[in-house]
Amino acid sequence: MDFNKEAATWDANPKRVKLGQDVAEAIIRTLQPAPSMDALDFGCGTGLVTLRLQPLVKSITGVDSSPGMLGVLQDKVKKQGLANVRTRLVDFAKGETVEGRFHLLVSSMTMHHVPDTAALLKLWFDLLLPGGLLGVADLDTEDGSFHGEMTGVFHLGFDRAHVQTLLEDTGFRQVQATTAATMVKEIAGGEEREFSIFLITGRK
């Protein structure tokens, strides 16, 4: 998938918008973002989760490797006059990282696009302040039907127990998993299928 090409029409898909809202609501219920928190949305896309969390935190930084996606988010921020949202172009695959440390780090539907899951979790751990909270949402294990076209897709979802173990091995504590959302999507051949998206949380 070419995220730069998709960016302009990304939010035109109501199922994508609803998924972002559902994940954001699950994060809010579970992690209870607070006005004292500096937050980071890793793989923020057009900011569907970022902007839902924005009113609840001190600041939020949206990070993505797609200039097109960040451009859409920047336009939203400008139109809404939001002073506490920043954007950063960062490509983790090229060894780039984010400056600063955060009280809350969230990521939605990004992990399956990154080859080295353990290295990504280590980066997230390092970006959090002591006691900081992590909320990561992604696909439960599936057969490849979700994307169809697999360019840039490195994992066919994840086994929740495996991700929980990886987080604990990284140093996270109080690791818990829940279902954040389900998404009905048309797959190859025109059939509709339901996919589940987990939210796994932990504390540094």
N, C-alpha and C. Protein backbone atom coordinates (compact mmCIF):
# COMPACT_ATOMS: atom_id res chain seq x y z
N MET A 1 0.84 -1.20 0.00
CA MET A 1 0.00 0.00 0.00
C MET A 1 0.88 1.26 0.00
N ASP A 2 0.55 2.20 -0.88
CA ASP A 2 1.26 3.48 -0.92
C ASP A 2 0.49 4.49 -0.07
N PHE A 3 0.97 4.70 1.15
CA PHE A 3 0.23 5.56 2.08
C PHE A 3 0.18 7.01 1.61
N ASN A 4 1.20 7.45 0.88
CA ASN A 4 1.17 8.82 0.37
C ASN A 4 0.05 9.01 -0.65
N LYS A 5 -0.12 8.00 -1.52
CA LYS A 5 -1.21 8.08 -2.51
C LYS A 5 -2.57 7.96 -1.85
N GLU A 6 -2.66 7.14 -0.81
CA GLU A 6 -3.94 6.88 -0.15
C GLU A 6 -4.36 8.02 0.79
N ALA A 7 -3.41 8.87 1.16
CA ALA A 7 -3.65 9.83 2.26
C ALA A 7 -4.85 10.74 2.01
N ALA A 8 -4.95 11.29 0.79
CA ALA A 8 -5.98 12.29 0.51
C ALA A 8 -7.39 11.74 0.68
N THR A 9 -7.57 10.44 0.41
CA THR A 9 -8.91 9.86 0.50
C THR A 9 -9.06 8.88 1.67
N TRP A 10 -8.05 8.83 2.54
CA TRP A 10 -8.05 7.86 3.64
C TRP A 10 -9.30 7.97 4.51
N ASP A 11 -9.66 9.21 4.86
CA ASP A 11 -10.78 9.42 5.78
C ASP A 11 -12.14 9.31 5.09
N ALA A 12 -12.14 9.08 3.77
CA ALA A 12 -13.40 8.92 3.06
C ALA A 12 -14.01 7.55 3.29
N ASN A 13 -13.23 6.64 3.86
CA ASN A 13 -13.72 5.29 4.16
C ASN A 13 -14.30 5.28 5.58
N PRO A 14 -15.63 5.20 5.71
CA PRO A 14 -16.24 5.30 7.05
C PRO A 14 -15.81 4.17 7.99
N LYS A 15 -15.47 3.00 7.43
CA LYS A 15 -15.05 1.88 8.28
C LYS A 15 -13.69 2.18 8.91
N ARG A 16 -12.80 2.84 8.16
CA ARG A 16 -11.51 3.24 8.72
C ARG A 16 -11.69 4.27 9.82
N VAL A 17 -12.57 5.22 9.56
CA VAL A 17 -12.82 6.27 10.55
C VAL A 17 -13.38 5.66 11.83
N LYS A 18 -14.33 4.77 11.67
CA LYS A 18 -14.94 4.11 12.84
C LYS A 18 -13.90 3.30 13.60
N LEU A 19 -13.02 2.60 12.88
CA LEU A 19 -11.98 1.83 13.54
C LEU A 19 -11.09 2.74 14.39
N GLY A 20 -10.70 3.88 13.83
CA GLY A 20 -9.89 4.83 14.60
C GLY A 20 -10.61 5.31 15.85
N GLN A 21 -11.90 5.59 15.70
CA GLN A 21 -12.70 6.03 16.85
C GLN A 21 -12.81 4.93 17.90
N ASP A 22 -13.06 3.70 17.46
CA ASP A 22 -13.21 2.58 18.39
C ASP A 22 -11.91 2.33 19.16
N VAL A 23 -10.79 2.37 18.45
CA VAL A 23 -9.50 2.17 19.11
C VAL A 23 -9.23 3.29 20.11
N ALA A 24 -9.50 4.52 19.70
CA ALA A 24 -9.28 5.66 20.60
C ALA A 24 -10.14 5.53 21.86
N GLU A 25 -11.40 5.13 21.69
CA GLU A 25 -12.29 4.98 22.85
C GLU A 25 -11.79 3.87 23.78
N ALA A 26 -11.27 2.78 23.19
CA ALA A 26 -10.73 1.70 24.02
C ALA A 26 -9.51 2.17 24.80
N ILE A 27 -8.67 2.98 24.16
CA ILE A 27 -7.49 3.54 24.84
C ILE A 27 -7.93 4.44 25.99
N ILE A 28 -8.93 5.28 25.73
CA ILE A 28 -9.41 6.22 26.76
C ILE A 28 -9.99 5.46 27.95
N ARG A 29 -10.80 4.44 27.66
CA ARG A 29 -11.40 3.64 28.74
C ARG A 29 -10.33 2.96 29.58
N THR A 30 -9.32 2.41 28.91
CA THR A 30 -8.35 1.55 29.58
C THR A 30 -7.23 2.32 30.25
N LEU A 31 -6.74 3.36 29.59
CA LEU A 31 -5.53 4.06 30.08
C LEU A 31 -5.84 5.43 30.69
N GLN A 32 -7.04 5.95 30.47
CA GLN A 32 -7.49 7.20 31.10
C GLN A 32 -6.47 8.33 30.94
N PRO A 33 -6.28 8.81 29.71
CA PRO A 33 -5.36 9.93 29.47
C PRO A 33 -5.73 11.13 30.34
N ALA A 34 -4.69 11.84 30.81
CA ALA A 34 -4.90 12.93 31.77
C ALA A 34 -4.27 14.22 31.26
N PRO A 35 -4.76 15.37 31.76
CA PRO A 35 -4.27 16.68 31.29
C PRO A 35 -2.80 16.94 31.59
N SER A 36 -2.19 16.11 32.42
CA SER A 36 -0.77 16.30 32.73
C SER A 36 0.15 15.55 31.76
N MET A 37 -0.43 14.78 30.84
CA MET A 37 0.36 13.85 30.03
C MET A 37 0.83 14.45 28.70
N ASP A 38 2.09 14.18 28.36
CA ASP A 38 2.59 14.36 27.01
C ASP A 38 2.48 13.00 26.32
N ALA A 39 1.76 12.96 25.20
CA ALA A 39 1.46 11.70 24.54
C ALA A 39 2.12 11.63 23.16
N LEU A 40 2.31 10.40 22.69
CA LEU A 40 2.86 10.14 21.37
C LEU A 40 1.97 9.13 20.67
N ASP A 41 1.57 9.44 19.43
CA ASP A 41 0.83 8.49 18.60
C ASP A 41 1.77 8.03 17.49
N PHE A 42 2.23 6.78 17.61
CA PHE A 42 3.25 6.24 16.71
C PHE A 42 2.58 5.57 15.53
N GLY A 43 2.81 6.11 14.31
CA GLY A 43 2.10 5.62 13.14
C GLY A 43 0.72 6.25 13.08
N CYS A 44 0.69 7.57 13.22
CA CYS A 44 -0.58 8.29 13.47
C CYS A 44 -1.46 8.41 12.23
N GLY A 45 -0.89 8.22 11.03
CA GLY A 45 -1.71 8.37 9.83
C GLY A 45 -2.31 9.76 9.74
N THR A 46 -3.61 9.82 9.45
CA THR A 46 -4.30 11.11 9.31
C THR A 46 -4.76 11.67 10.66
N GLY A 47 -4.40 11.00 11.74
CA GLY A 47 -4.68 11.56 13.07
C GLY A 47 -6.02 11.17 13.65
N LEU A 48 -6.60 10.06 13.20
CA LEU A 48 -7.92 9.66 13.71
C LEU A 48 -7.88 9.39 15.21
N VAL A 49 -6.81 8.74 15.68
CA VAL A 49 -6.65 8.52 17.12
C VAL A 49 -6.05 9.75 17.80
N THR A 50 -5.08 10.35 17.15
CA THR A 50 -4.39 11.54 17.69
C THR A 50 -5.39 12.61 18.13
N LEU A 51 -6.32 12.94 17.24
CA LEU A 51 -7.21 14.07 17.50
C LEU A 51 -8.31 13.72 18.50
N ARG A 52 -8.59 12.44 18.67
CA ARG A 52 -9.55 12.05 19.72
C ARG A 52 -8.90 12.18 21.09
N LEU A 53 -7.61 11.92 21.18
CA LEU A 53 -6.90 12.03 22.46
C LEU A 53 -6.50 13.48 22.78
N GLN A 54 -6.38 14.28 21.74
CA GLN A 54 -5.84 15.66 21.89
C GLN A 54 -6.49 16.48 23.01
N PRO A 55 -7.83 16.49 23.15
CA PRO A 55 -8.41 17.34 24.19
C PRO A 55 -8.14 16.85 25.62
N LEU A 56 -7.67 15.60 25.73
CA LEU A 56 -7.56 14.96 27.05
C LEU A 56 -6.15 15.05 27.63
N VAL A 57 -5.17 15.47 26.82
CA VAL A 57 -3.77 15.44 27.26
C VAL A 57 -3.15 16.83 27.15
N LYS A 58 -1.99 16.97 27.77
CA LYS A 58 -1.26 18.25 27.71
C LYS A 58 -0.76 18.52 26.29
N SER A 59 -0.14 17.49 25.69
CA SER A 59 0.31 17.60 24.31
C SER A 59 0.29 16.22 23.67
N ILE A 60 0.20 16.20 22.34
CA ILE A 60 0.32 14.92 21.64
C ILE A 60 1.13 15.13 20.36
N THR A 61 2.06 14.22 20.14
CA THR A 61 2.91 14.25 18.96
C THR A 61 2.51 13.10 18.05
N GLY A 62 2.18 13.41 16.81
CA GLY A 62 1.84 12.40 15.83
C GLY A 62 3.05 12.09 14.97
N VAL A 63 3.46 10.83 14.97
CA VAL A 63 4.65 10.40 14.23
C VAL A 63 4.23 9.44 13.14
N ASP A 64 4.78 9.64 11.93
CA ASP A 64 4.49 8.72 10.84
C ASP A 64 5.63 8.77 9.84
N SER A 65 5.74 7.72 9.01
CA SER A 65 6.77 7.68 7.97
C SER A 65 6.24 8.17 6.62
N SER A 66 4.96 8.54 6.57
CA SER A 66 4.34 9.00 5.33
C SER A 66 4.11 10.51 5.35
N PRO A 67 4.83 11.27 4.51
CA PRO A 67 4.58 12.72 4.45
C PRO A 67 3.15 13.05 4.06
N GLY A 68 2.55 12.21 3.19
CA GLY A 68 1.17 12.46 2.77
C GLY A 68 0.19 12.38 3.92
N MET A 69 0.33 11.35 4.73
CA MET A 69 -0.55 11.19 5.90
C MET A 69 -0.37 12.35 6.88
N LEU A 70 0.88 12.70 7.14
CA LEU A 70 1.14 13.81 8.08
C LEU A 70 0.60 15.13 7.54
N GLY A 71 0.63 15.28 6.21
CA GLY A 71 0.09 16.50 5.61
C GLY A 71 -1.40 16.65 5.87
N VAL A 72 -2.14 15.54 5.80
CA VAL A 72 -3.58 15.57 6.09
C VAL A 72 -3.80 15.95 7.55
N LEU A 73 -3.01 15.35 8.45
CA LEU A 73 -3.14 15.69 9.88
C LEU A 73 -2.79 17.14 10.13
N GLN A 74 -1.73 17.62 9.50
CA GLN A 74 -1.33 19.02 9.69
C GLN A 74 -2.43 19.98 9.24
N ASP A 75 -3.11 19.63 8.15
CA ASP A 75 -4.23 20.47 7.68
C ASP A 75 -5.35 20.51 8.71
N LYS A 76 -5.65 19.36 9.31
CA LYS A 76 -6.69 19.31 10.34
C LYS A 76 -6.30 20.17 11.54
N VAL A 77 -5.05 20.05 11.96
CA VAL A 77 -4.56 20.80 13.12
C VAL A 77 -4.67 22.30 12.87
N LYS A 78 -4.28 22.71 11.65
CA LYS A 78 -4.33 24.13 11.29
C LYS A 78 -5.76 24.65 11.26
N LYS A 79 -6.66 23.87 10.63
CA LYS A 79 -8.06 24.30 10.52
C LYS A 79 -8.73 24.40 11.88
N GLN A 80 -8.36 23.49 12.79
CA GLN A 80 -8.98 23.49 14.12
C GLN A 80 -8.23 24.38 15.12
N GLY A 81 -7.09 24.93 14.69
CA GLY A 81 -6.33 25.83 15.56
C GLY A 81 -5.82 25.17 16.83
N LEU A 82 -5.33 23.94 16.70
CA LEU A 82 -4.90 23.17 17.88
C LEU A 82 -3.44 23.48 18.21
N ALA A 83 -3.22 23.97 19.42
CA ALA A 83 -1.87 24.39 19.80
C ALA A 83 -1.04 23.27 20.43
N ASN A 84 -1.68 22.16 20.79
CA ASN A 84 -0.95 21.13 21.55
C ASN A 84 -0.69 19.87 20.73
N VAL A 85 -0.78 19.98 19.39
CA VAL A 85 -0.49 18.85 18.51
C VAL A 85 0.74 19.16 17.66
N ARG A 86 1.71 18.24 17.68
CA ARG A 86 2.89 18.36 16.83
C ARG A 86 2.94 17.15 15.91
N THR A 87 3.60 17.29 14.78
CA THR A 87 3.81 16.15 13.89
C THR A 87 5.30 15.98 13.63
N ARG A 88 5.71 14.74 13.45
CA ARG A 88 7.11 14.44 13.17
C ARG A 88 7.17 13.33 12.10
N LEU A 89 7.99 13.56 11.07
CA LEU A 89 8.23 12.55 10.04
C LEU A 89 9.39 11.68 10.50
N VAL A 90 9.08 10.43 10.81
CA VAL A 90 10.09 9.50 11.34
C VAL A 90 9.91 8.14 10.66
N ASP A 91 10.99 7.59 10.12
CA ASP A 91 10.96 6.26 9.51
C ASP A 91 11.80 5.32 10.37
N PHE A 92 11.10 4.56 11.23
CA PHE A 92 11.79 3.65 12.15
C PHE A 92 12.63 2.63 11.38
N ALA A 93 12.16 2.22 10.19
CA ALA A 93 12.88 1.22 9.39
C ALA A 93 14.25 1.73 8.95
N LYS A 94 14.41 3.05 8.91
CA LYS A 94 15.70 3.64 8.52
C LYS A 94 16.53 4.02 9.74
N GLY A 95 16.10 3.58 10.92
CA GLY A 95 16.85 3.85 12.13
C GLY A 95 16.56 5.20 12.76
N GLU A 96 15.54 5.91 12.24
CA GLU A 96 15.20 7.22 12.81
C GLU A 96 14.37 7.03 14.08
N THR A 97 14.46 8.01 14.95
CA THR A 97 13.71 7.93 16.21
C THR A 97 13.07 9.27 16.53
N VAL A 98 12.45 9.35 17.66
CA VAL A 98 11.69 10.52 18.08
C VAL A 98 12.41 11.18 19.24
N GLU A 99 12.48 12.50 19.21
CA GLU A 99 13.07 13.22 20.35
C GLU A 99 12.04 13.35 21.46
N GLY A 100 12.54 13.32 22.70
CA GLY A 100 11.66 13.54 23.83
C GLY A 100 11.26 12.23 24.51
N ARG A 101 10.58 12.38 25.64
CA ARG A 101 10.05 11.25 26.40
C ARG A 101 8.60 11.56 26.73
N PHE A 102 7.81 10.50 26.91
CA PHE A 102 6.37 10.67 26.96
C PHE A 102 5.75 9.89 28.11
N HIS A 103 4.60 10.40 28.60
CA HIS A 103 3.84 9.72 29.65
C HIS A 103 2.93 8.63 29.06
N LEU A 104 2.57 8.81 27.79
CA LEU A 104 1.62 7.90 27.13
C LEU A 104 2.06 7.71 25.69
N LEU A 105 2.15 6.45 25.27
CA LEU A 105 2.47 6.14 23.87
C LEU A 105 1.41 5.20 23.34
N VAL A 106 0.78 5.59 22.24
CA VAL A 106 -0.24 4.75 21.62
C VAL A 106 0.13 4.46 20.17
N SER A 107 -0.37 3.35 19.67
CA SER A 107 -0.11 2.99 18.28
C SER A 107 -1.27 2.12 17.80
N SER A 108 -1.81 2.47 16.63
CA SER A 108 -2.96 1.74 16.10
C SER A 108 -2.67 1.24 14.69
N MET A 109 -2.71 -0.05 14.50
CA MET A 109 -2.60 -0.69 13.18
C MET A 109 -1.27 -0.35 12.48
N THR A 110 -0.23 -0.21 13.28
CA THR A 110 1.09 0.12 12.74
C THR A 110 2.06 -1.05 12.86
N MET A 111 1.94 -1.81 13.92
CA MET A 111 2.94 -2.83 14.25
C MET A 111 3.11 -3.85 13.12
N HIS A 112 2.02 -4.20 12.42
CA HIS A 112 2.15 -5.22 11.37
C HIS A 112 2.87 -4.71 10.13
N HIS A 113 3.13 -3.40 10.07
CA HIS A 113 3.90 -2.82 8.97
C HIS A 113 5.40 -2.71 9.30
N VAL A 114 5.81 -3.17 10.47
CA VAL A 114 7.21 -3.06 10.89
C VAL A 114 7.80 -4.47 11.00
N PRO A 115 8.91 -4.76 10.29
CA PRO A 115 9.46 -6.12 10.29
C PRO A 115 9.87 -6.63 11.68
N ASP A 116 10.58 -5.81 12.44
CA ASP A 116 11.17 -6.26 13.70
C ASP A 116 10.34 -5.78 14.89
N THR A 117 9.41 -6.63 15.31
CA THR A 117 8.49 -6.25 16.39
C THR A 117 9.24 -6.00 17.70
N ALA A 118 10.18 -6.86 18.04
CA ALA A 118 10.91 -6.72 19.31
C ALA A 118 11.66 -5.40 19.36
N ALA A 119 12.29 -5.01 18.24
CA ALA A 119 13.03 -3.74 18.21
C ALA A 119 12.08 -2.55 18.35
N LEU A 120 10.90 -2.67 17.76
CA LEU A 120 9.91 -1.60 17.87
C LEU A 120 9.45 -1.44 19.32
N LEU A 121 9.19 -2.56 19.99
CA LEU A 121 8.75 -2.48 21.39
C LEU A 121 9.86 -1.90 22.27
N LYS A 122 11.10 -2.20 21.96
CA LYS A 122 12.23 -1.63 22.72
C LYS A 122 12.27 -0.13 22.53
N LEU A 123 12.05 0.34 21.29
CA LEU A 123 12.01 1.78 21.03
C LEU A 123 10.89 2.43 21.84
N TRP A 124 9.72 1.81 21.83
CA TRP A 124 8.59 2.37 22.58
C TRP A 124 8.90 2.43 24.07
N PHE A 125 9.53 1.40 24.58
CA PHE A 125 9.90 1.38 26.00
C PHE A 125 10.84 2.55 26.31
N ASP A 126 11.80 2.76 25.43
CA ASP A 126 12.79 3.83 25.65
C ASP A 126 12.17 5.22 25.54
N LEU A 127 11.11 5.36 24.74
CA LEU A 127 10.47 6.66 24.56
C LEU A 127 9.57 7.05 25.74
N LEU A 128 9.23 6.07 26.57
CA LEU A 128 8.35 6.34 27.70
C LEU A 128 9.13 6.79 28.93
N LEU A 129 8.55 7.70 29.66
CA LEU A 129 9.07 8.06 30.98
C LEU A 129 8.82 6.92 31.96
N PRO A 130 9.56 6.85 33.06
CA PRO A 130 9.27 5.84 34.08
C PRO A 130 7.80 5.93 34.52
N GLY A 131 7.12 4.80 34.55
CA GLY A 131 5.69 4.78 34.88
C GLY A 131 4.79 5.07 33.70
N GLY A 132 5.39 5.34 32.54
CA GLY A 132 4.61 5.69 31.36
C GLY A 132 3.77 4.52 30.86
N LEU A 133 2.70 4.86 30.14
CA LEU A 133 1.72 3.86 29.69
C LEU A 133 1.81 3.63 28.19
N LEU A 134 1.64 2.38 27.80
CA LEU A 134 1.62 1.99 26.39
C LEU A 134 0.27 1.39 26.05
N GLY A 135 -0.26 1.77 24.90
CA GLY A 135 -1.46 1.14 24.37
C GLY A 135 -1.27 0.86 22.89
N VAL A 136 -1.19 -0.40 22.53
CA VAL A 136 -0.95 -0.78 21.13
C VAL A 136 -2.12 -1.61 20.61
N ALA A 137 -2.69 -1.17 19.51
CA ALA A 137 -3.81 -1.86 18.88
C ALA A 137 -3.37 -2.41 17.53
N ASP A 138 -3.74 -3.65 17.26
CA ASP A 138 -3.42 -4.24 15.95
C ASP A 138 -4.32 -5.44 15.72
N LEU A 139 -4.16 -6.03 14.57
CA LEU A 139 -4.98 -7.16 14.15
C LEU A 139 -4.65 -8.42 14.95
N ASP A 140 -5.69 -9.14 15.32
CA ASP A 140 -5.48 -10.51 15.74
C ASP A 140 -5.02 -11.32 14.54
N THR A 141 -4.37 -12.45 14.79
CA THR A 141 -3.85 -13.30 13.73
C THR A 141 -4.91 -13.56 12.66
N GLU A 142 -4.54 -13.34 11.39
CA GLU A 142 -5.46 -13.58 10.27
C GLU A 142 -4.68 -14.22 9.12
N ASP A 143 -5.36 -14.51 8.02
CA ASP A 143 -4.74 -15.30 6.94
C ASP A 143 -4.21 -14.47 5.78
N GLY A 144 -4.16 -13.16 5.94
CA GLY A 144 -3.71 -12.29 4.85
C GLY A 144 -4.85 -11.64 4.09
N SER A 145 -6.08 -12.02 4.41
CA SER A 145 -7.23 -11.46 3.69
C SER A 145 -7.44 -9.98 3.98
N PHE A 146 -7.01 -9.51 5.14
CA PHE A 146 -7.31 -8.13 5.54
C PHE A 146 -6.75 -7.14 4.52
N HIS A 147 -5.51 -7.35 4.08
CA HIS A 147 -4.89 -6.42 3.15
C HIS A 147 -5.03 -6.84 1.70
N GLY A 148 -4.98 -8.15 1.46
CA GLY A 148 -4.99 -8.60 0.07
C GLY A 148 -3.65 -8.32 -0.60
N GLU A 149 -3.38 -7.05 -0.88
CA GLU A 149 -2.10 -6.64 -1.46
C GLU A 149 -1.11 -6.46 -0.31
N MET A 150 -0.03 -7.23 -0.33
CA MET A 150 0.79 -7.39 0.87
C MET A 150 2.04 -6.52 0.92
N THR A 151 2.20 -5.59 -0.02
CA THR A 151 3.38 -4.72 0.01
C THR A 151 3.42 -3.94 1.33
N GLY A 152 4.53 -4.04 2.04
CA GLY A 152 4.68 -3.31 3.30
C GLY A 152 3.98 -3.95 4.48
N VAL A 153 3.44 -5.15 4.28
CA VAL A 153 2.80 -5.88 5.38
C VAL A 153 3.73 -7.03 5.77
N PHE A 154 4.19 -7.01 7.01
CA PHE A 154 5.20 -7.98 7.44
C PHE A 154 4.65 -9.04 8.40
N HIS A 155 3.44 -8.83 8.90
CA HIS A 155 2.85 -9.79 9.84
C HIS A 155 1.36 -9.94 9.52
N LEU A 156 0.88 -11.17 9.53
CA LEU A 156 -0.54 -11.43 9.34
C LEU A 156 -1.23 -11.38 10.70
N GLY A 157 -1.31 -10.17 11.23
CA GLY A 157 -1.81 -10.01 12.58
C GLY A 157 -0.86 -10.60 13.60
N PHE A 158 -1.32 -10.68 14.84
CA PHE A 158 -0.48 -11.15 15.93
C PHE A 158 -1.29 -12.00 16.90
N ASP A 159 -0.61 -12.96 17.48
CA ASP A 159 -1.17 -13.71 18.60
C ASP A 159 -1.03 -12.85 19.86
N ARG A 160 -2.13 -12.60 20.53
CA ARG A 160 -2.10 -11.68 21.68
C ARG A 160 -1.12 -12.14 22.76
N ALA A 161 -1.13 -13.43 23.05
CA ALA A 161 -0.26 -13.95 24.11
C ALA A 161 1.21 -13.73 23.75
N HIS A 162 1.53 -13.87 22.47
CA HIS A 162 2.91 -13.64 22.02
C HIS A 162 3.32 -12.19 22.21
N VAL A 163 2.42 -11.26 21.86
CA VAL A 163 2.73 -9.83 22.03
C VAL A 163 2.87 -9.50 23.51
N GLN A 164 2.00 -10.07 24.34
CA GLN A 164 2.10 -9.83 25.78
C GLN A 164 3.45 -10.31 26.32
N THR A 165 3.89 -11.47 25.87
CA THR A 165 5.19 -11.99 26.29
C THR A 165 6.32 -11.09 25.83
N LEU A 166 6.25 -10.63 24.58
CA LEU A 166 7.27 -9.71 24.06
C LEU A 166 7.34 -8.43 24.90
N LEU A 167 6.18 -7.91 25.26
CA LEU A 167 6.14 -6.69 26.08
C LEU A 167 6.76 -6.93 27.45
N GLU A 168 6.43 -8.06 28.05
CA GLU A 168 6.99 -8.37 29.37
C GLU A 168 8.51 -8.58 29.28
N ASP A 169 8.96 -9.22 28.20
CA ASP A 169 10.40 -9.41 27.99
C ASP A 169 11.11 -8.07 27.79
N THR A 170 10.39 -7.09 27.24
CA THR A 170 10.96 -5.76 27.01
C THR A 170 11.08 -4.97 28.32
N GLY A 171 10.27 -5.36 29.31
CA GLY A 171 10.32 -4.67 30.59
C GLY A 171 9.00 -4.07 31.04
N PHE A 172 7.97 -4.20 30.21
CA PHE A 172 6.67 -3.67 30.59
C PHE A 172 6.02 -4.54 31.67
N ARG A 173 5.23 -3.89 32.51
CA ARG A 173 4.51 -4.57 33.59
C ARG A 173 3.01 -4.29 33.44
N GLN A 174 2.21 -5.02 34.20
CA GLN A 174 0.74 -4.85 34.18
C GLN A 174 0.20 -4.97 32.75
N VAL A 175 0.75 -5.94 32.02
CA VAL A 175 0.37 -6.12 30.61
C VAL A 175 -0.99 -6.83 30.54
N GLN A 176 -1.91 -6.23 29.79
CA GLN A 176 -3.26 -6.79 29.66
C GLN A 176 -3.74 -6.64 28.23
N ALA A 177 -4.61 -7.55 27.80
CA ALA A 177 -5.16 -7.51 26.45
C ALA A 177 -6.68 -7.47 26.49
N THR A 178 -7.24 -6.74 25.55
CA THR A 178 -8.69 -6.68 25.40
C THR A 178 -9.00 -6.51 23.92
N THR A 179 -10.25 -6.68 23.54
CA THR A 179 -10.66 -6.42 22.17
C THR A 179 -11.07 -4.96 22.04
N ALA A 180 -10.39 -4.25 21.16
CA ALA A 180 -10.67 -2.82 20.99
C ALA A 180 -11.79 -2.59 19.99
N ALA A 181 -11.84 -3.43 18.95
CA ALA A 181 -12.78 -3.17 17.87
C ALA A 181 -12.93 -4.41 17.00
N THR A 182 -13.99 -4.44 16.23
CA THR A 182 -14.09 -5.39 15.13
C THR A 182 -14.38 -4.58 13.87
N MET A 183 -13.92 -5.09 12.74
CA MET A 183 -14.09 -4.38 11.48
C MET A 183 -14.55 -5.37 10.42
N VAL A 184 -15.68 -5.08 9.80
CA VAL A 184 -16.16 -5.90 8.69
C VAL A 184 -15.59 -5.31 7.40
N LYS A 185 -14.92 -6.16 6.63
CA LYS A 185 -14.22 -5.68 5.44
C LYS A 185 -14.47 -6.63 4.29
N GLU A 186 -14.63 -6.05 3.10
CA GLU A 186 -14.77 -6.89 1.90
C GLU A 186 -13.40 -7.40 1.48
N ILE A 187 -13.30 -8.69 1.29
CA ILE A 187 -12.03 -9.30 0.91
C ILE A 187 -12.09 -9.73 -0.56
N ALA A 188 -10.98 -10.27 -1.05
CA ALA A 188 -10.93 -10.72 -2.44
C ALA A 188 -12.07 -11.68 -2.74
N GLY A 189 -12.72 -11.46 -3.85
CA GLY A 189 -13.87 -12.30 -4.21
C GLY A 189 -15.20 -11.70 -3.81
N GLY A 190 -15.14 -10.57 -3.08
CA GLY A 190 -16.37 -9.85 -2.73
C GLY A 190 -17.01 -10.27 -1.42
N GLU A 191 -16.48 -11.31 -0.79
CA GLU A 191 -17.02 -11.76 0.50
C GLU A 191 -16.70 -10.75 1.60
N GLU A 192 -17.60 -10.60 2.54
CA GLU A 192 -17.33 -9.75 3.70
C GLU A 192 -16.89 -10.62 4.87
N ARG A 193 -15.87 -10.15 5.58
CA ARG A 193 -15.37 -10.90 6.72
C ARG A 193 -15.13 -9.96 7.89
N GLU A 194 -15.32 -10.49 9.09
CA GLU A 194 -15.10 -9.68 10.30
C GLU A 194 -13.70 -9.96 10.85
N PHE A 195 -12.98 -8.90 11.13
CA PHE A 195 -11.65 -8.99 11.71
C PHE A 195 -11.67 -8.33 13.09
N SER A 196 -10.95 -8.92 14.03
CA SER A 196 -10.88 -8.34 15.38
C SER A 196 -9.54 -7.65 15.59
N ILE A 197 -9.61 -6.56 16.33
CA ILE A 197 -8.43 -5.74 16.63
C ILE A 197 -8.27 -5.69 18.15
N PHE A 198 -7.10 -6.08 18.62
CA PHE A 198 -6.84 -6.08 20.06
C PHE A 198 -6.26 -4.74 20.51
N LEU A 199 -6.37 -4.49 21.80
CA LEU A 199 -5.60 -3.44 22.47
C LEU A 199 -4.83 -4.10 23.60
N ILE A 200 -3.52 -3.98 23.54
CA ILE A 200 -2.68 -4.48 24.62
C ILE A 200 -2.01 -3.30 25.30
N THR A 201 -2.12 -3.27 26.63
CA THR A 201 -1.61 -2.14 27.39
C THR A 201 -0.56 -2.61 28.39
N GLY A 202 0.30 -1.70 28.77
CA GLY A 202 1.32 -2.01 29.76
C GLY A 202 1.90 -0.73 30.34
N ARG A 203 2.67 -0.91 31.40
CA ARG A 203 3.29 0.25 32.07
C ARG A 203 4.80 0.03 32.16
N LYS A 204 5.55 1.08 31.90
CA LYS A 204 7.00 1.01 32.04
C LYS A 204 7.38 1.03 33.52
